[in-house]
Amino acid sequence: GLKVDFTLPASATMRWGLLGNVVADTNQKAATNTTDQTGS
């Protein structure tokens, strides 16, 4: 699998999502993981 995050400048905020496969799913079903992030 794959896990992802981002590093950002000091005090930056990011709301992001990746539309990709569910963990351990071999059928390539789409899963959205939207997260708020400050820093990493």
PDB file of all heavy atoms in Angstrom:
ATOM      1  N   GLY A   1       0.799  -1.213   0.000  1.00  0.00           N
ATOM      2  CA  GLY A   1       0.000   0.000   0.000  1.00  0.00           C
ATOM      3  C   GLY A   1       0.835   1.267   0.000  1.00  0.00           C
ATOM      4  O   GLY A   1       2.049   1.254  -0.196  1.00  0.00           O
ATOM      5  N   LEU A   2       0.157   2.365   0.241  1.00  0.00           N
ATOM      6  CA  LEU A   2       0.776   3.684   0.199  1.00  0.00           C
ATOM      7  C   LEU A   2       0.175   4.530   1.305  1.00  0.00           C
ATOM      8  O   LEU A   2      -1.046   4.525   1.497  1.00  0.00           O
ATOM      9  CB  LEU A   2       0.492   4.343  -1.158  1.00  0.00           C
ATOM     10  CG  LEU A   2       0.970   5.781  -1.380  1.00  0.00           C
ATOM     11  CD1 LEU A   2       2.481   5.815  -1.559  1.00  0.00           C
ATOM     12  CD2 LEU A   2       0.274   6.390  -2.588  1.00  0.00           C
ATOM     13  N   LYS A   3       1.022   5.227   2.037  1.00  0.00           N
ATOM     14  CA  LYS A   3       0.514   6.248   2.953  1.00  0.00           C
ATOM     15  C   LYS A   3       1.188   7.555   2.615  1.00  0.00           C
ATOM     16  O   LYS A   3       2.352   7.589   2.194  1.00  0.00           O
ATOM     17  CB  LYS A   3       0.677   5.850   4.420  1.00  0.00           C
ATOM     18  CG  LYS A   3       2.079   5.753   4.949  1.00  0.00           C
ATOM     19  CD  LYS A   3       2.011   5.347   6.422  1.00  0.00           C
ATOM     20  CE  LYS A   3       3.383   5.185   7.013  1.00  0.00           C
ATOM     21  NZ  LYS A   3       3.310   4.801   8.434  1.00  0.00           N
ATOM     22  N   VAL A   4       0.441   8.645   2.765  1.00  0.00           N
ATOM     23  CA  VAL A   4       0.866   9.954   2.275  1.00  0.00           C
ATOM     24  C   VAL A   4       0.561  11.019   3.307  1.00  0.00           C
ATOM     25  O   VAL A   4      -0.470  10.962   3.982  1.00  0.00           O
ATOM     26  CB  VAL A   4       0.106  10.310   0.968  1.00  0.00           C
ATOM     27  CG1 VAL A   4       0.424  11.716   0.501  1.00  0.00           C
ATOM     28  CG2 VAL A   4       0.408   9.304  -0.129  1.00  0.00           C
ATOM     29  N   ASP A   5       1.446  11.993   3.436  1.00  0.00           N
ATOM     30  CA  ASP A   5       1.141  13.252   4.099  1.00  0.00           C
ATOM     31  C   ASP A   5       1.975  14.339   3.448  1.00  0.00           C
ATOM     32  O   ASP A   5       2.655  14.095   2.441  1.00  0.00           O
ATOM     33  CB  ASP A   5       1.301  13.181   5.625  1.00  0.00           C
ATOM     34  CG  ASP A   5       2.737  13.314   6.121  1.00  0.00           C
ATOM     35  OD1 ASP A   5       3.698  13.304   5.319  1.00  0.00           O
ATOM     36  OD2 ASP A   5       2.911  13.440   7.340  1.00  0.00           O
ATOM     37  N   PHE A   6       1.924  15.522   3.982  1.00  0.00           N
ATOM     38  CA  PHE A   6       2.651  16.658   3.411  1.00  0.00           C
ATOM     39  C   PHE A   6       3.332  17.428   4.523  1.00  0.00           C
ATOM     40  O   PHE A   6       2.793  17.543   5.626  1.00  0.00           O
ATOM     41  CB  PHE A   6       1.693  17.601   2.672  1.00  0.00           C
ATOM     42  CG  PHE A   6       1.098  16.983   1.444  1.00  0.00           C
ATOM     43  CD1 PHE A   6      -0.044  16.203   1.531  1.00  0.00           C
ATOM     44  CD2 PHE A   6       1.682  17.175   0.207  1.00  0.00           C
ATOM     45  CE1 PHE A   6      -0.595  15.620   0.410  1.00  0.00           C
ATOM     46  CE2 PHE A   6       1.138  16.593  -0.920  1.00  0.00           C
ATOM     47  CZ  PHE A   6      -0.003  15.811  -0.819  1.00  0.00           C
ATOM     48  N   THR A   7       4.510  17.978   4.243  1.00  0.00           N
ATOM     49  CA  THR A   7       5.108  18.954   5.141  1.00  0.00           C
ATOM     50  C   THR A   7       4.786  20.330   4.575  1.00  0.00           C
ATOM     51  O   THR A   7       4.702  20.514   3.357  1.00  0.00           O
ATOM     52  CB  THR A   7       6.634  18.773   5.284  1.00  0.00           C
ATOM     53  OG1 THR A   7       7.236  18.888   3.997  1.00  0.00           O
ATOM     54  CG2 THR A   7       6.968  17.417   5.885  1.00  0.00           C
ATOM     55  N   LEU A   8       4.589  21.277   5.474  1.00  0.00           N
ATOM     56  CA  LEU A   8       4.151  22.620   5.100  1.00  0.00           C
ATOM     57  C   LEU A   8       4.999  23.666   5.822  1.00  0.00           C
ATOM     58  O   LEU A   8       5.604  23.369   6.849  1.00  0.00           O
ATOM     59  CB  LEU A   8       2.688  22.820   5.507  1.00  0.00           C
ATOM     60  CG  LEU A   8       1.676  21.798   5.013  1.00  0.00           C
ATOM     61  CD1 LEU A   8       0.331  22.028   5.673  1.00  0.00           C
ATOM     62  CD2 LEU A   8       1.563  21.840   3.502  1.00  0.00           C
ATOM     63  N   PRO A   9       4.988  24.901   5.331  1.00  0.00           N
ATOM     64  CA  PRO A   9       5.649  25.983   6.069  1.00  0.00           C
ATOM     65  C   PRO A   9       4.981  26.183   7.442  1.00  0.00           C
ATOM     66  O   PRO A   9       3.832  25.770   7.651  1.00  0.00           O
ATOM     67  CB  PRO A   9       5.435  27.212   5.187  1.00  0.00           C
ATOM     68  CG  PRO A   9       5.117  26.683   3.840  1.00  0.00           C
ATOM     69  CD  PRO A   9       4.438  25.368   4.060  1.00  0.00           C
ATOM     70  N   ALA A  10       5.677  26.835   8.346  1.00  0.00           N
ATOM     71  CA  ALA A  10       5.159  27.090   9.694  1.00  0.00           C
ATOM     72  C   ALA A  10       3.785  27.746   9.634  1.00  0.00           C
ATOM     73  O   ALA A  10       3.557  28.666   8.856  1.00  0.00           O
ATOM     74  CB  ALA A  10       6.129  27.984  10.462  1.00  0.00           C
ATOM     75  N   SER A  11       2.860  27.248  10.433  1.00  0.00           N
ATOM     76  CA  SER A  11       1.501  27.774  10.604  1.00  0.00           C
ATOM     77  C   SER A  11       0.609  27.648   9.370  1.00  0.00           C
ATOM     78  O   SER A  11      -0.492  28.185   9.355  1.00  0.00           O
ATOM     79  CB  SER A  11       1.531  29.234  11.078  1.00  0.00           C
ATOM     80  OG  SER A  11       2.197  29.306  12.317  1.00  0.00           O
ATOM     81  N   ALA A  12       1.047  26.956   8.337  1.00  0.00           N
ATOM     82  CA  ALA A  12       0.199  26.733   7.167  1.00  0.00           C
ATOM     83  C   ALA A  12      -0.832  25.659   7.498  1.00  0.00           C
ATOM     84  O   ALA A  12      -0.603  24.810   8.360  1.00  0.00           O
ATOM     85  CB  ALA A  12       1.038  26.292   5.973  1.00  0.00           C
ATOM     86  N   THR A  13      -1.977  25.707   6.828  1.00  0.00           N
ATOM     87  CA  THR A  13      -2.998  24.678   6.977  1.00  0.00           C
ATOM     88  C   THR A  13      -3.380  24.171   5.596  1.00  0.00           C
ATOM     89  O   THR A  13      -3.312  24.910   4.608  1.00  0.00           O
ATOM     90  CB  THR A  13      -4.263  25.199   7.697  1.00  0.00           C
ATOM     91  OG1 THR A  13      -4.790  26.294   6.959  1.00  0.00           O
ATOM     92  CG2 THR A  13      -3.942  25.637   9.110  1.00  0.00           C
ATOM     93  N   MET A  14      -3.778  22.919   5.572  1.00  0.00           N
ATOM     94  CA  MET A  14      -4.110  22.295   4.295  1.00  0.00           C
ATOM     95  C   MET A  14      -5.284  21.349   4.521  1.00  0.00           C
ATOM     96  O   MET A  14      -5.301  20.600   5.490  1.00  0.00           O
ATOM     97  CB  MET A  14      -2.882  21.515   3.795  1.00  0.00           C
ATOM     98  CG  MET A  14      -3.023  20.848   2.477  1.00  0.00           C
ATOM     99  SD  MET A  14      -1.385  20.208   2.016  1.00  0.00           S
ATOM    100  CE  MET A  14      -1.830  18.997   0.810  1.00  0.00           C
ATOM    101  N   ARG A  15      -6.266  21.417   3.671  1.00  0.00           N
ATOM    102  CA  ARG A  15      -7.358  20.436   3.659  1.00  0.00           C
ATOM    103  C   ARG A  15      -7.233  19.737   2.324  1.00  0.00           C
ATOM    104  O   ARG A  15      -7.288  20.380   1.268  1.00  0.00           O
ATOM    105  CB  ARG A  15      -8.709  21.115   3.797  1.00  0.00           C
ATOM    106  CG  ARG A  15      -9.845  20.115   3.856  1.00  0.00           C
ATOM    107  CD  ARG A  15     -11.033  20.660   4.638  1.00  0.00           C
ATOM    108  NE  ARG A  15     -12.154  19.764   4.571  1.00  0.00           N
ATOM    109  CZ  ARG A  15     -12.334  18.699   5.356  1.00  0.00           C
ATOM    110  NH1 ARG A  15     -11.423  18.410   6.256  1.00  0.00           N
ATOM    111  NH2 ARG A  15     -13.395  17.931   5.239  1.00  0.00           N
ATOM    112  N   TRP A  16      -7.024  18.420   2.378  1.00  0.00           N
ATOM    113  CA  TRP A  16      -6.700  17.698   1.165  1.00  0.00           C
ATOM    114  C   TRP A  16      -7.330  16.314   1.179  1.00  0.00           C
ATOM    115  O   TRP A  16      -7.734  15.802   2.224  1.00  0.00           O
ATOM    116  CB  TRP A  16      -5.189  17.571   0.979  1.00  0.00           C
ATOM    117  CG  TRP A  16      -4.504  16.789   2.078  1.00  0.00           C
ATOM    118  CD1 TRP A  16      -4.156  17.250   3.319  1.00  0.00           C
ATOM    119  CD2 TRP A  16      -4.109  15.430   2.044  1.00  0.00           C
ATOM    120  NE1 TRP A  16      -3.563  16.252   4.047  1.00  0.00           N
ATOM    121  CE2 TRP A  16      -3.519  15.120   3.281  1.00  0.00           C
ATOM    122  CE3 TRP A  16      -4.191  14.435   1.072  1.00  0.00           C
ATOM    123  CZ2 TRP A  16      -3.007  13.863   3.590  1.00  0.00           C
ATOM    124  CZ3 TRP A  16      -3.687  13.179   1.373  1.00  0.00           C
ATOM    125  CH2 TRP A  16      -3.086  12.908   2.621  1.00  0.00           C
ATOM    126  N   GLY A  17      -7.390  15.729   0.024  1.00  0.00           N
ATOM    127  CA  GLY A  17      -7.860  14.363  -0.104  1.00  0.00           C
ATOM    128  C   GLY A  17      -7.256  13.721  -1.331  1.00  0.00           C
ATOM    129  O   GLY A  17      -6.911  14.398  -2.290  1.00  0.00           O
ATOM    130  N   LEU A  18      -7.089  12.426  -1.252  1.00  0.00           N
ATOM    131  CA  LEU A  18      -6.697  11.628  -2.402  1.00  0.00           C
ATOM    132  C   LEU A  18      -7.844  10.676  -2.695  1.00  0.00           C
ATOM    133  O   LEU A  18      -8.342  10.015  -1.773  1.00  0.00           O
ATOM    134  CB  LEU A  18      -5.437  10.805  -2.112  1.00  0.00           C
ATOM    135  CG  LEU A  18      -4.096  11.494  -2.276  1.00  0.00           C
ATOM    136  CD1 LEU A  18      -2.975  10.606  -1.762  1.00  0.00           C
ATOM    137  CD2 LEU A  18      -3.845  11.861  -3.720  1.00  0.00           C
ATOM    138  N   LEU A  19      -8.267  10.632  -3.921  1.00  0.00           N
ATOM    139  CA  LEU A  19      -9.258   9.662  -4.339  1.00  0.00           C
ATOM    140  C   LEU A  19      -8.472   8.492  -4.900  1.00  0.00           C
ATOM    141  O   LEU A  19      -7.841   8.596  -5.940  1.00  0.00           O
ATOM    142  CB  LEU A  19     -10.187  10.266  -5.396  1.00  0.00           C
ATOM    143  CG  LEU A  19     -11.272   9.348  -5.933  1.00  0.00           C
ATOM    144  CD1 LEU A  19     -12.203   8.910  -4.806  1.00  0.00           C
ATOM    145  CD2 LEU A  19     -12.052  10.045  -7.032  1.00  0.00           C
ATOM    146  N   GLY A  20      -8.457   7.394  -4.145  1.00  0.00           N
ATOM    147  CA  GLY A  20      -7.640   6.249  -4.535  1.00  0.00           C
ATOM    148  C   GLY A  20      -8.207   4.964  -3.977  1.00  0.00           C
ATOM    149  O   GLY A  20      -9.325   4.938  -3.451  1.00  0.00           O
ATOM    150  N   ASN A  21      -7.444   3.893  -4.066  1.00  0.00           N
ATOM    151  CA  ASN A  21      -7.888   2.580  -3.618  1.00  0.00           C
ATOM    152  C   ASN A  21      -8.017   2.502  -2.105  1.00  0.00           C
ATOM    153  O   ASN A  21      -7.231   3.084  -1.367  1.00  0.00           O
ATOM    154  CB  ASN A  21      -6.888   1.513  -4.047  1.00  0.00           C
ATOM    155  CG  ASN A  21      -7.019   1.160  -5.497  1.00  0.00           C
ATOM    156  OD1 ASN A  21      -7.623   1.891  -6.257  1.00  0.00           O
ATOM    157  ND2 ASN A  21      -6.449   0.040  -5.884  1.00  0.00           N
ATOM    158  N   VAL A  22      -8.986   1.699  -1.652  1.00  0.00           N
ATOM    159  CA  VAL A  22      -9.106   1.360  -0.245  1.00  0.00           C
ATOM    160  C   VAL A  22      -7.905   0.483   0.117  1.00  0.00           C
ATOM    161  O   VAL A  22      -7.453  -0.339  -0.680  1.00  0.00           O
ATOM    162  CB  VAL A  22     -10.427   0.592   0.003  1.00  0.00           C
ATOM    163  CG1 VAL A  22     -10.541   0.119   1.433  1.00  0.00           C
ATOM    164  CG2 VAL A  22     -11.615   1.446  -0.389  1.00  0.00           C
ATOM    165  N   VAL A  23      -7.368   0.626   1.342  1.00  0.00           N
ATOM    166  CA  VAL A  23      -6.239  -0.186   1.788  1.00  0.00           C
ATOM    167  C   VAL A  23      -6.576  -1.666   1.649  1.00  0.00           C
ATOM    168  O   VAL A  23      -7.661  -2.107   2.019  1.00  0.00           O
ATOM    169  CB  VAL A  23      -5.875   0.152   3.247  1.00  0.00           C
ATOM    170  CG1 VAL A  23      -4.843  -0.818   3.791  1.00  0.00           C
ATOM    171  CG2 VAL A  23      -5.368   1.575   3.335  1.00  0.00           C
ATOM    172  N   ALA A  24      -5.637  -2.439   1.097  1.00  0.00           N
ATOM    173  CA  ALA A  24      -5.720  -3.895   0.927  1.00  0.00           C
ATOM    174  C   ALA A  24      -6.860  -4.322  -0.006  1.00  0.00           C
ATOM    175  O   ALA A  24      -7.256  -5.467  -0.005  1.00  0.00           O
ATOM    176  CB  ALA A  24      -5.830  -4.615   2.265  1.00  0.00           C
ATOM    177  N   ASP A  25      -7.375  -3.430  -0.820  1.00  0.00           N
ATOM    178  CA  ASP A  25      -8.445  -3.768  -1.745  1.00  0.00           C
ATOM    179  C   ASP A  25      -7.850  -3.989  -3.124  1.00  0.00           C
ATOM    180  O   ASP A  25      -7.223  -3.090  -3.683  1.00  0.00           O
ATOM    181  CB  ASP A  25      -9.479  -2.650  -1.782  1.00  0.00           C
ATOM    182  CG  ASP A  25     -10.715  -3.027  -2.583  1.00  0.00           C
ATOM    183  OD1 ASP A  25     -10.651  -3.998  -3.360  1.00  0.00           O
ATOM    184  OD2 ASP A  25     -11.728  -2.353  -2.416  1.00  0.00           O
ATOM    185  N   THR A  26      -8.027  -5.186  -3.673  1.00  0.00           N
ATOM    186  CA  THR A  26      -7.458  -5.483  -4.986  1.00  0.00           C
ATOM    187  C   THR A  26      -8.426  -5.207  -6.127  1.00  0.00           C
ATOM    188  O   THR A  26      -8.102  -5.416  -7.274  1.00  0.00           O
ATOM    189  CB  THR A  26      -7.023  -6.961  -5.051  1.00  0.00           C
ATOM    190  OG1 THR A  26      -8.181  -7.776  -4.819  1.00  0.00           O
ATOM    191  CG2 THR A  26      -5.957  -7.254  -4.027  1.00  0.00           C
ATOM    192  N   ASN A  27      -9.623  -4.724  -5.799  1.00  0.00           N
ATOM    193  CA  ASN A  27     -10.625  -4.470  -6.839  1.00  0.00           C
ATOM    194  C   ASN A  27     -10.607  -3.035  -7.347  1.00  0.00           C
ATOM    195  O   ASN A  27     -11.473  -2.635  -8.104  1.00  0.00           O
ATOM    196  CB  ASN A  27     -12.021  -4.800  -6.311  1.00  0.00           C
ATOM    197  CG  ASN A  27     -12.170  -6.274  -6.044  1.00  0.00           C
ATOM    198  OD1 ASN A  27     -11.669  -7.100  -6.796  1.00  0.00           O
ATOM    199  ND2 ASN A  27     -12.820  -6.616  -4.948  1.00  0.00           N
ATOM    200  N   GLN A  28      -9.679  -2.244  -6.900  1.00  0.00           N
ATOM    201  CA  GLN A  28      -9.528  -0.854  -7.314  1.00  0.00           C
ATOM    202  C   GLN A  28     -10.812  -0.054  -7.128  1.00  0.00           C
ATOM    203  O   GLN A  28     -11.206   0.724  -7.973  1.00  0.00           O
ATOM    204  CB  GLN A  28      -9.016  -0.750  -8.749  1.00  0.00           C
ATOM    205  CG  GLN A  28      -7.633  -1.324  -8.900  1.00  0.00           C
ATOM    206  CD  GLN A  28      -6.989  -0.991 -10.216  1.00  0.00           C
ATOM    207  OE1 GLN A  28      -7.521  -0.275 -11.033  1.00  0.00           O
ATOM    208  NE2 GLN A  28      -5.796  -1.491 -10.419  1.00  0.00           N
ATOM    209  N   LYS A  29     -11.460  -0.245  -6.001  1.00  0.00           N
ATOM    210  CA  LYS A  29     -12.592   0.596  -5.640  1.00  0.00           C
ATOM    211  C   LYS A  29     -12.054   1.920  -5.132  1.00  0.00           C
ATOM    212  O   LYS A  29     -11.040   1.966  -4.460  1.00  0.00           O
ATOM    213  CB  LYS A  29     -13.431  -0.073  -4.555  1.00  0.00           C
ATOM    214  CG  LYS A  29     -14.091  -1.354  -5.008  1.00  0.00           C
ATOM    215  CD  LYS A  29     -14.799  -2.001  -3.847  1.00  0.00           C
ATOM    216  CE  LYS A  29     -15.342  -3.354  -4.266  1.00  0.00           C
ATOM    217  NZ  LYS A  29     -15.832  -4.114  -3.122  1.00  0.00           N
ATOM    218  N   ALA A  30     -12.753   2.979  -5.421  1.00  0.00           N
ATOM    219  CA  ALA A  30     -12.287   4.300  -5.010  1.00  0.00           C
ATOM    220  C   ALA A  30     -12.608   4.555  -3.547  1.00  0.00           C
ATOM    221  O   ALA A  30     -13.673   4.214  -3.057  1.00  0.00           O
ATOM    222  CB  ALA A  30     -12.924   5.372  -5.872  1.00  0.00           C
ATOM    223  N   ALA A  31     -11.657   5.153  -2.843  1.00  0.00           N
ATOM    224  CA  ALA A  31     -11.868   5.585  -1.464  1.00  0.00           C
ATOM    225  C   ALA A  31     -11.333   6.996  -1.338  1.00  0.00           C
ATOM    226  O   ALA A  31     -10.289   7.320  -1.879  1.00  0.00           O
ATOM    227  CB  ALA A  31     -11.132   4.669  -0.495  1.00  0.00           C
ATOM    228  N   THR A  32     -12.042   7.835  -0.645  1.00  0.00           N
ATOM    229  CA  THR A  32     -11.588   9.194  -0.430  1.00  0.00           C
ATOM    230  C   THR A  32     -11.085   9.329   0.992  1.00  0.00           C
ATOM    231  O   THR A  32     -11.743   8.887   1.919  1.00  0.00           O
ATOM    232  CB  THR A  32     -12.724  10.202  -0.656  1.00  0.00           C
ATOM    233  OG1 THR A  32     -13.202  10.028  -1.975  1.00  0.00           O
ATOM    234  CG2 THR A  32     -12.245  11.624  -0.494  1.00  0.00           C
ATOM    235  N   ASN A  33      -9.929   9.905   1.154  1.00  0.00           N
ATOM    236  CA  ASN A  33      -9.399  10.173   2.476  1.00  0.00           C
ATOM    237  C   ASN A  33      -9.135  11.664   2.534  1.00  0.00           C
ATOM    238  O   ASN A  33      -8.135  12.145   2.040  1.00  0.00           O
ATOM    239  CB  ASN A  33      -8.113   9.383   2.707  1.00  0.00           C
ATOM    240  CG  ASN A  33      -7.607   9.546   4.120  1.00  0.00           C
ATOM    241  OD1 ASN A  33      -8.188  10.263   4.919  1.00  0.00           O
ATOM    242  ND2 ASN A  33      -6.512   8.881   4.427  1.00  0.00           N
ATOM    243  N   THR A  34     -10.051  12.408   3.103  1.00  0.00           N
ATOM    244  CA  THR A  34      -9.912  13.851   3.210  1.00  0.00           C
ATOM    245  C   THR A  34      -9.502  14.195   4.623  1.00  0.00           C
ATOM    246  O   THR A  34     -10.104  13.723   5.572  1.00  0.00           O
ATOM    247  CB  THR A  34     -11.228  14.561   2.866  1.00  0.00           C
ATOM    248  OG1 THR A  34     -11.583  14.209   1.533  1.00  0.00           O
ATOM    249  CG2 THR A  34     -11.077  16.064   2.951  1.00  0.00           C
ATOM    250  N   THR A  35      -8.464  14.996   4.768  1.00  0.00           N
ATOM    251  CA  THR A  35      -7.939  15.288   6.086  1.00  0.00           C
ATOM    252  C   THR A  35      -7.568  16.754   6.213  1.00  0.00           C
ATOM    253  O   THR A  35      -7.202  17.404   5.251  1.00  0.00           O
ATOM    254  CB  THR A  35      -6.673  14.457   6.366  1.00  0.00           C
ATOM    255  OG1 THR A  35      -5.727  14.700   5.331  1.00  0.00           O
ATOM    256  CG2 THR A  35      -6.982  12.977   6.420  1.00  0.00           C
ATOM    257  N   ASP A  36      -7.682  17.263   7.435  1.00  0.00           N
ATOM    258  CA  ASP A  36      -7.131  18.572   7.758  1.00  0.00           C
ATOM    259  C   ASP A  36      -5.714  18.353   8.217  1.00  0.00           C
ATOM    260  O   ASP A  36      -5.412  17.363   8.868  1.00  0.00           O
ATOM    261  CB  ASP A  36      -7.916  19.238   8.900  1.00  0.00           C
ATOM    262  CG  ASP A  36      -9.235  19.807   8.412  1.00  0.00           C
ATOM    263  OD1 ASP A  36      -9.228  20.438   7.358  1.00  0.00           O
ATOM    264  OD2 ASP A  36     -10.236  19.603   9.094  1.00  0.00           O
ATOM    265  N   GLN A  37      -4.853  19.280   7.917  1.00  0.00           N
ATOM    266  CA  GLN A  37      -3.461  19.093   8.291  1.00  0.00           C
ATOM    267  C   GLN A  37      -2.818  20.421   8.610  1.00  0.00           C
ATOM    268  O   GLN A  37      -2.950  21.371   7.869  1.00  0.00           O
ATOM    269  CB  GLN A  37      -2.716  18.421   7.134  1.00  0.00           C
ATOM    270  CG  GLN A  37      -1.252  18.215   7.400  1.00  0.00           C
ATOM    271  CD  GLN A  37      -0.646  17.302   6.362  1.00  0.00           C
ATOM    272  OE1 GLN A  37      -1.232  16.323   5.976  1.00  0.00           O
ATOM    273  NE2 GLN A  37       0.541  17.634   5.927  1.00  0.00           N
ATOM    274  N   THR A  38      -2.140  20.477   9.723  1.00  0.00           N
ATOM    275  CA  THR A  38      -1.260  21.573  10.056  1.00  0.00           C
ATOM    276  C   THR A  38       0.111  20.945  10.238  1.00  0.00           C
ATOM    277  O   THR A  38       0.263  20.022  11.006  1.00  0.00           O
ATOM    278  CB  THR A  38      -1.689  22.273  11.358  1.00  0.00           C
ATOM    279  OG1 THR A  38      -3.017  22.754  11.185  1.00  0.00           O
ATOM    280  CG2 THR A  38      -0.780  23.432  11.681  1.00  0.00           C
ATOM    281  N   GLY A  39       1.097  21.425   9.520  1.00  0.00           N
ATOM    282  CA  GLY A  39       2.403  20.773   9.563  1.00  0.00           C
ATOM    283  C   GLY A  39       2.316  19.451   8.836  1.00  0.00           C
ATOM    284  O   GLY A  39       1.792  19.360   7.755  1.00  0.00           O
ATOM    285  N   SER A  40       2.817  18.377   9.449  1.00  0.00           N
ATOM    286  CA  SER A  40       2.772  17.056   8.810  1.00  0.00           C
ATOM    287  C   SER A  40       2.150  16.055   9.778  1.00  0.00           C
ATOM    288  O   SER A  40       2.757  15.092  10.182  1.00  0.00           O
ATOM    289  CB  SER A  40       4.180  16.612   8.405  1.00  0.00           C
ATOM    290  OG  SER A  40       5.022  16.592   9.537  1.00  0.00           O
TER     291      SER A  40
END
